């Protein structure tokens, strides 16, 4: 696939900007799951459910100590 040099230059700059930024772990998480198969988001996880297929809402804030 061929792209113009200007488009390639813009695309490379855009990808470099996001690569250099890295993944940032947020201090506040809002997370919804219905199963323990998808139980993890950054530093928060759901370890068990009484009933599967029931909505679980997590609104968590990380303390200063982590």
PDB file of N, CA and C in Angstrom:
ATOM      1  N   UNK A   1       0.850  -1.165   0.000  1.00  0.00           N
ATOM      2  CA  UNK A   1       0.000   0.000   0.000  1.00  0.00           C
ATOM      3  C   UNK A   1       0.902   1.236   0.000  1.00  0.00           C
ATOM      4  N   UNK A   2       0.593   2.174  -0.854  1.00  0.00           N
ATOM      5  CA  UNK A   2       1.410   3.365  -0.995  1.00  0.00           C
ATOM      6  C   UNK A   2       0.708   4.558  -0.363  1.00  0.00           C
ATOM      7  N   UNK A   3       1.460   5.355   0.404  1.00  0.00           N
ATOM      8  CA  UNK A   3       0.945   6.610   0.943  1.00  0.00           C
ATOM      9  C   UNK A   3       1.937   7.713   0.601  1.00  0.00           C
ATOM     10  N   UNK A   4       1.445   8.916   0.566  1.00  0.00           N
ATOM     11  CA  UNK A   4       2.319  10.043   0.241  1.00  0.00           C
ATOM     12  C   UNK A   4       3.286  10.292   1.401  1.00  0.00           C
ATOM     13  N   UNK A   5       4.432  10.880   1.130  1.00  0.00           N
ATOM     14  CA  UNK A   5       5.400  11.162   2.194  1.00  0.00           C
ATOM     15  C   UNK A   5       4.838  12.063   3.289  1.00  0.00           C
ATOM     16  N   UNK A   6       3.963  13.002   2.926  1.00  0.00           N
ATOM     17  CA  UNK A   6       3.381  13.895   3.925  1.00  0.00           C
ATOM     18  C   UNK A   6       2.464  13.133   4.882  1.00  0.00           C
ATOM     19  N   UNK A   7       1.644  12.240   4.347  1.00  0.00           N
ATOM     20  CA  UNK A   7       0.746  11.434   5.191  1.00  0.00           C
ATOM     21  C   UNK A   7       1.562  10.494   6.061  1.00  0.00           C
ATOM     22  N   UNK A   8       2.583   9.882   5.521  1.00  0.00           N
ATOM     23  CA  UNK A   8       3.439   8.971   6.288  1.00  0.00           C
ATOM     24  C   UNK A   8       4.140   9.722   7.421  1.00  0.00           C
ATOM     25  N   UNK A   9       4.595  10.943   7.143  1.00  0.00           N
ATOM     26  CA  UNK A   9       5.270  11.754   8.156  1.00  0.00           C
ATOM     27  C   UNK A   9       4.291  12.100   9.290  1.00  0.00           C
ATOM     28  N   UNK A  10       3.074  12.512   8.945  1.00  0.00           N
ATOM     29  CA  UNK A  10       2.068  12.846   9.950  1.00  0.00           C
ATOM     30  C   UNK A  10       1.704  11.620  10.781  1.00  0.00           C
ATOM     31  N   UNK A  11       1.517  10.483  10.102  1.00  0.00           N
ATOM     32  CA  UNK A  11       1.148   9.248  10.790  1.00  0.00           C
ATOM     33  C   UNK A  11       2.250   8.806  11.756  1.00  0.00           C
ATOM     34  N   UNK A  12       3.494   8.861  11.320  1.00  0.00           N
ATOM     35  CA  UNK A  12       4.605   8.469  12.191  1.00  0.00           C
ATOM     36  C   UNK A  12       4.715   9.391  13.400  1.00  0.00           C
ATOM     37  N   UNK A  13       4.506  10.686  13.212  1.00  0.00           N
ATOM     38  CA  UNK A  13       4.559  11.631  14.331  1.00  0.00           C
ATOM     39  C   UNK A  13       3.438  11.350  15.327  1.00  0.00           C
ATOM     40  N   UNK A  14       2.244  11.047  14.833  1.00  0.00           N
ATOM     41  CA  UNK A  14       1.108  10.735  15.695  1.00  0.00           C
ATOM     42  C   UNK A  14       1.389   9.475  16.514  1.00  0.00           C
ATOM     43  N   UNK A  15       1.858   8.420  15.867  1.00  0.00           N
ATOM     44  CA  UNK A  15       2.150   7.169  16.575  1.00  0.00           C
ATOM     45  C   UNK A  15       3.294   7.340  17.565  1.00  0.00           C
ATOM     46  N   UNK A  16       4.299   8.114  17.234  1.00  0.00           N
ATOM     47  CA  UNK A  16       5.429   8.367  18.134  1.00  0.00           C
ATOM     48  C   UNK A  16       4.960   9.109  19.383  1.00  0.00           C
ATOM     49  N   UNK A  17       4.037  10.069  19.210  1.00  0.00           N
ATOM     50  CA  UNK A  17       3.523  10.830  20.345  1.00  0.00           C
ATOM     51  C   UNK A  17       2.836   9.891  21.344  1.00  0.00           C
ATOM     52  N   UNK A  18       1.999   8.980  20.869  1.00  0.00           N
ATOM     53  CA  UNK A  18       1.298   8.056  21.764  1.00  0.00           C
ATOM     54  C   UNK A  18       2.225   6.996  22.333  1.00  0.00           C
ATOM     55  N   UNK A  19       3.220   6.560  21.584  1.00  0.00           N
ATOM     56  CA  UNK A  19       4.175   5.579  22.082  1.00  0.00           C
ATOM     57  C   UNK A  19       4.998   6.170  23.212  1.00  0.00           C
ATOM     58  N   UNK A  20       5.436   7.413  23.066  1.00  0.00           N
ATOM     59  CA  UNK A  20       6.267   8.054  24.083  1.00  0.00           C
ATOM     60  C   UNK A  20       5.487   8.367  25.350  1.00  0.00           C
ATOM     61  N   UNK A  21       4.189   8.567  25.199  1.00  0.00           N
ATOM     62  CA  UNK A  21       3.341   8.867  26.348  1.00  0.00           C
ATOM     63  C   UNK A  21       3.224   7.660  27.270  1.00  0.00           C
ATOM     64  N   UNK A  22       3.143   6.471  26.700  1.00  0.00           N
ATOM     65  CA  UNK A  22       3.039   5.250  27.488  1.00  0.00           C
ATOM     66  C   UNK A  22       1.654   5.063  28.085  1.00  0.00           C
ATOM     67  N   UNK A  23       1.477   3.990  28.823  1.00  0.00           N
ATOM     68  CA  UNK A  23       0.202   3.711  29.468  1.00  0.00           C
ATOM     69  C   UNK A  23       0.235   4.279  30.875  1.00  0.00           C
ATOM     70  N   UNK A  24      -0.731   5.104  31.197  1.00  0.00           N
ATOM     71  CA  UNK A  24      -0.803   5.758  32.497  1.00  0.00           C
ATOM     72  C   UNK A  24      -1.874   5.068  33.329  1.00  0.00           C
ATOM     73  N   UNK A  25      -1.510   4.697  34.543  1.00  0.00           N
ATOM     74  CA  UNK A  25      -2.456   4.062  35.448  1.00  0.00           C
ATOM     75  C   UNK A  25      -3.265   5.147  36.165  1.00  0.00           C
ATOM     76  N   UNK A  26      -4.582   5.189  35.974  1.00  0.00           N
ATOM     77  CA  UNK A  26      -5.392   6.263  36.555  1.00  0.00           C
ATOM     78  C   UNK A  26      -5.589   6.085  38.060  1.00  0.00           C
ATOM     79  N   UNK A  27      -5.860   7.201  38.734  1.00  0.00           N
ATOM     80  CA  UNK A  27      -6.144   7.170  40.169  1.00  0.00           C
ATOM     81  C   UNK A  27      -7.617   6.885  40.452  1.00  0.00           C
ATOM     82  N   UNK A  28      -8.485   7.059  39.450  1.00  0.00           N
ATOM     83  CA  UNK A  28      -9.916   6.827  39.615  1.00  0.00           C
ATOM     84  C   UNK A  28     -10.397   5.882  38.512  1.00  0.00           C
ATOM     85  N   UNK A  29     -11.112   4.829  38.899  1.00  0.00           N
ATOM     86  CA  UNK A  29     -11.609   3.835  37.940  1.00  0.00           C
ATOM     87  C   UNK A  29     -13.111   3.667  38.108  1.00  0.00           C
ATOM     88  N   UNK A  30     -13.815   3.669  36.988  1.00  0.00           N
ATOM     89  CA  UNK A  30     -15.225   3.274  36.941  1.00  0.00           C
ATOM     90  C   UNK A  30     -15.275   2.082  36.004  1.00  0.00           C
ATOM     91  N   UNK A  31     -15.731   0.940  36.506  1.00  0.00           N
ATOM     92  CA  UNK A  31     -15.608  -0.328  35.802  1.00  0.00           C
ATOM     93  C   UNK A  31     -16.896  -1.118  35.962  1.00  0.00           C
ATOM     94  N   UNK A  32     -17.367  -1.733  34.881  1.00  0.00           N
ATOM     95  CA  UNK A  32     -18.588  -2.552  34.900  1.00  0.00           C
ATOM     96  C   UNK A  32     -18.255  -3.914  34.306  1.00  0.00           C
ATOM     97  N   UNK A  33     -18.699  -4.978  34.958  1.00  0.00           N
ATOM     98  CA  UNK A  33     -18.525  -6.334  34.426  1.00  0.00           C
ATOM     99  C   UNK A  33     -19.730  -7.184  34.811  1.00  0.00           C
ATOM    100  N   UNK A  34     -19.936  -8.242  34.053  1.00  0.00           N
ATOM    101  CA  UNK A  34     -21.020  -9.189  34.329  1.00  0.00           C
ATOM    102  C   UNK A  34     -20.480 -10.579  34.660  1.00  0.00           C
ATOM    103  N   UNK A  35     -19.169 -10.767  34.548  1.00  0.00           N
ATOM    104  CA  UNK A  35     -18.579 -12.085  34.741  1.00  0.00           C
ATOM    105  C   UNK A  35     -17.148 -11.949  35.243  1.00  0.00           C
ATOM    106  N   UNK A  36     -16.645 -13.008  35.878  1.00  0.00           N
ATOM    107  CA  UNK A  36     -15.265 -12.975  36.344  1.00  0.00           C
ATOM    108  C   UNK A  36     -14.273 -13.253  35.218  1.00  0.00           C
ATOM    109  N   UNK A  37     -14.762 -13.588  34.034  1.00  0.00           N
ATOM    110  CA  UNK A  37     -13.859 -13.777  32.894  1.00  0.00           C
ATOM    111  C   UNK A  37     -13.187 -12.452  32.540  1.00  0.00           C
ATOM    112  N   UNK A  38     -13.943 -11.365  32.628  1.00  0.00           N
ATOM    113  CA  UNK A  38     -13.410 -10.022  32.379  1.00  0.00           C
ATOM    114  C   UNK A  38     -13.443  -9.273  33.707  1.00  0.00           C
ATOM    115  N   UNK A  39     -12.514  -9.605  34.588  1.00  0.00           N
ATOM    116  CA  UNK A  39     -12.588  -9.126  35.957  1.00  0.00           C
ATOM    117  C   UNK A  39     -11.543  -8.088  36.320  1.00  0.00           C
ATOM    118  N   UNK A  40     -10.750  -7.608  35.379  1.00  0.00           N
ATOM    119  CA  UNK A  40      -9.603  -6.785  35.721  1.00  0.00           C
ATOM    120  C   UNK A  40      -9.572  -5.504  34.894  1.00  0.00           C
ATOM    121  N   UNK A  41      -9.217  -4.399  35.561  1.00  0.00           N
ATOM    122  CA  UNK A  41      -9.005  -3.131  34.891  1.00  0.00           C
ATOM    123  C   UNK A  41      -7.927  -2.376  35.658  1.00  0.00           C
ATOM    124  N   UNK A  42      -6.766  -2.196  35.056  1.00  0.00           N
ATOM    125  CA  UNK A  42      -5.601  -1.564  35.683  1.00  0.00           C
ATOM    126  C   UNK A  42      -5.298  -2.242  37.003  1.00  0.00           C
ATOM    127  N   UNK A  43      -5.507  -1.573  38.124  1.00  0.00           N
ATOM    128  CA  UNK A  43      -5.121  -2.090  39.438  1.00  0.00           C
ATOM    129  C   UNK A  43      -6.301  -2.649  40.226  1.00  0.00           C
ATOM    130  N   UNK A  44      -7.453  -2.757  39.617  1.00  0.00           N
ATOM    131  CA  UNK A  44      -8.660  -3.224  40.305  1.00  0.00           C
ATOM    132  C   UNK A  44      -9.125  -4.547  39.703  1.00  0.00           C
ATOM    133  N   UNK A  45      -9.693  -5.430  40.543  1.00  0.00           N
ATOM    134  CA  UNK A  45     -10.191  -6.707  40.023  1.00  0.00           C
ATOM    135  C   UNK A  45     -11.382  -7.191  40.855  1.00  0.00           C
ATOM    136  N   UNK A  46     -12.220  -8.011  40.207  1.00  0.00           N
ATOM    137  CA  UNK A  46     -13.345  -8.671  40.861  1.00  0.00           C
ATOM    138  C   UNK A  46     -12.941 -10.128  41.027  1.00  0.00           C
ATOM    139  N   UNK A  47     -12.828 -10.581  42.264  1.00  0.00           N
ATOM    140  CA  UNK A  47     -12.335 -11.938  42.519  1.00  0.00           C
ATOM    141  C   UNK A  47     -13.431 -12.988  42.561  1.00  0.00           C
ATOM    142  N   UNK A  48     -14.667 -12.613  42.812  1.00  0.00           N
ATOM    143  CA  UNK A  48     -15.741 -13.594  42.859  1.00  0.00           C
ATOM    144  C   UNK A  48     -17.103 -12.926  42.794  1.00  0.00           C
ATOM    145  N   UNK A  49     -18.079 -13.667  42.286  1.00  0.00           N
ATOM    146  CA  UNK A  49     -19.453 -13.181  42.188  1.00  0.00           C
ATOM    147  C   UNK A  49     -20.388 -14.235  42.769  1.00  0.00           C
ATOM    148  N   UNK A  50     -21.436 -13.792  43.450  1.00  0.00           N
ATOM    149  CA  UNK A  50     -22.453 -14.724  43.924  1.00  0.00           C
ATOM    150  C   UNK A  50     -23.263 -15.260  42.748  1.00  0.00           C
ATOM    151  N   UNK A  51     -23.621 -14.371  41.819  1.00  0.00           N
ATOM    152  CA  UNK A  51     -24.397 -14.751  40.642  1.00  0.00           C
ATOM    153  C   UNK A  51     -23.735 -14.169  39.395  1.00  0.00           C
ATOM    154  N   UNK A  52     -23.444 -15.028  38.433  1.00  0.00           N
ATOM    155  CA  UNK A  52     -22.902 -14.535  37.171  1.00  0.00           C
ATOM    156  C   UNK A  52     -24.037 -13.924  36.349  1.00  0.00           C
ATOM    157  N   UNK A  53     -23.678 -13.120  35.404  1.00  0.00           N
ATOM    158  CA  UNK A  53     -24.614 -12.408  34.524  1.00  0.00           C
ATOM    159  C   UNK A  53     -25.416 -11.356  35.265  1.00  0.00           C
ATOM    160  N   UNK A  54     -24.929 -10.915  36.406  1.00  0.00           N
ATOM    161  CA  UNK A  54     -25.518  -9.816  37.144  1.00  0.00           C
ATOM    162  C   UNK A  54     -24.519  -8.667  37.099  1.00  0.00           C
ATOM    163  N   UNK A  55     -24.984  -7.479  36.806  1.00  0.00           N
ATOM    164  CA  UNK A  55     -24.101  -6.330  36.646  1.00  0.00           C
ATOM    165  C   UNK A  55     -23.387  -5.978  37.945  1.00  0.00           C
ATOM    166  N   UNK A  56     -22.064  -5.761  37.838  1.00  0.00           N
ATOM    167  CA  UNK A  56     -21.240  -5.323  38.955  1.00  0.00           C
ATOM    168  C   UNK A  56     -20.630  -3.980  38.575  1.00  0.00           C
ATOM    169  N   UNK A  57     -20.895  -2.948  39.386  1.00  0.00           N
ATOM    170  CA  UNK A  57     -20.332  -1.611  39.160  1.00  0.00           C
ATOM    171  C   UNK A  57     -19.228  -1.355  40.183  1.00  0.00           C
ATOM    172  N   UNK A  58     -18.099  -0.910  39.710  1.00  0.00           N
ATOM    173  CA  UNK A  58     -16.991  -0.554  40.598  1.00  0.00           C
ATOM    174  C   UNK A  58     -16.654   0.906  40.339  1.00  0.00           C
ATOM    175  N   UNK A  59     -16.605   1.683  41.397  1.00  0.00           N
ATOM    176  CA  UNK A  59     -16.179   3.072  41.351  1.00  0.00           C
ATOM    177  C   UNK A  59     -15.106   3.202  42.418  1.00  0.00           C
ATOM    178  N   UNK A  60     -13.849   3.121  42.022  1.00  0.00           N
ATOM    179  CA  UNK A  60     -12.752   3.041  42.985  1.00  0.00           C
ATOM    180  C   UNK A  60     -11.793   4.210  42.835  1.00  0.00           C
ATOM    181  N   UNK A  61     -11.244   4.656  43.966  1.00  0.00           N
ATOM    182  CA  UNK A  61     -10.279   5.725  43.994  1.00  0.00           C
ATOM    183  C   UNK A  61      -9.024   5.227  44.708  1.00  0.00           C
ATOM    184  N   UNK A  62      -7.881   5.398  44.081  1.00  0.00           N
ATOM    185  CA  UNK A  62      -6.627   4.949  44.686  1.00  0.00           C
ATOM    186  C   UNK A  62      -6.155   5.984  45.703  1.00  0.00           C
ATOM    187  N   UNK A  63      -5.684   5.514  46.857  1.00  0.00           N
ATOM    188  CA  UNK A  63      -5.196   6.425  47.881  1.00  0.00           C
ATOM    189  C   UNK A  63      -3.799   6.938  47.502  1.00  0.00           C
ATOM    190  N   UNK A  64      -3.311   7.892  48.258  1.00  0.00           N
ATOM    191  CA  UNK A  64      -1.993   8.479  47.979  1.00  0.00           C
ATOM    192  C   UNK A  64      -0.870   7.458  48.084  1.00  0.00           C
ATOM    193  N   UNK A  65      -1.021   6.482  48.974  1.00  0.00           N
ATOM    194  CA  UNK A  65       0.002   5.463  49.156  1.00  0.00           C
ATOM    195  C   UNK A  65      -0.036   4.372  48.107  1.00  0.00           C
ATOM    196  N   UNK A  66      -1.013   4.396  47.218  1.00  0.00           N
ATOM    197  CA  UNK A  66      -1.107   3.376  46.178  1.00  0.00           C
ATOM    198  C   UNK A  66      -2.060   2.291  46.546  1.00  0.00           C
TER     199      UNK A  66
END
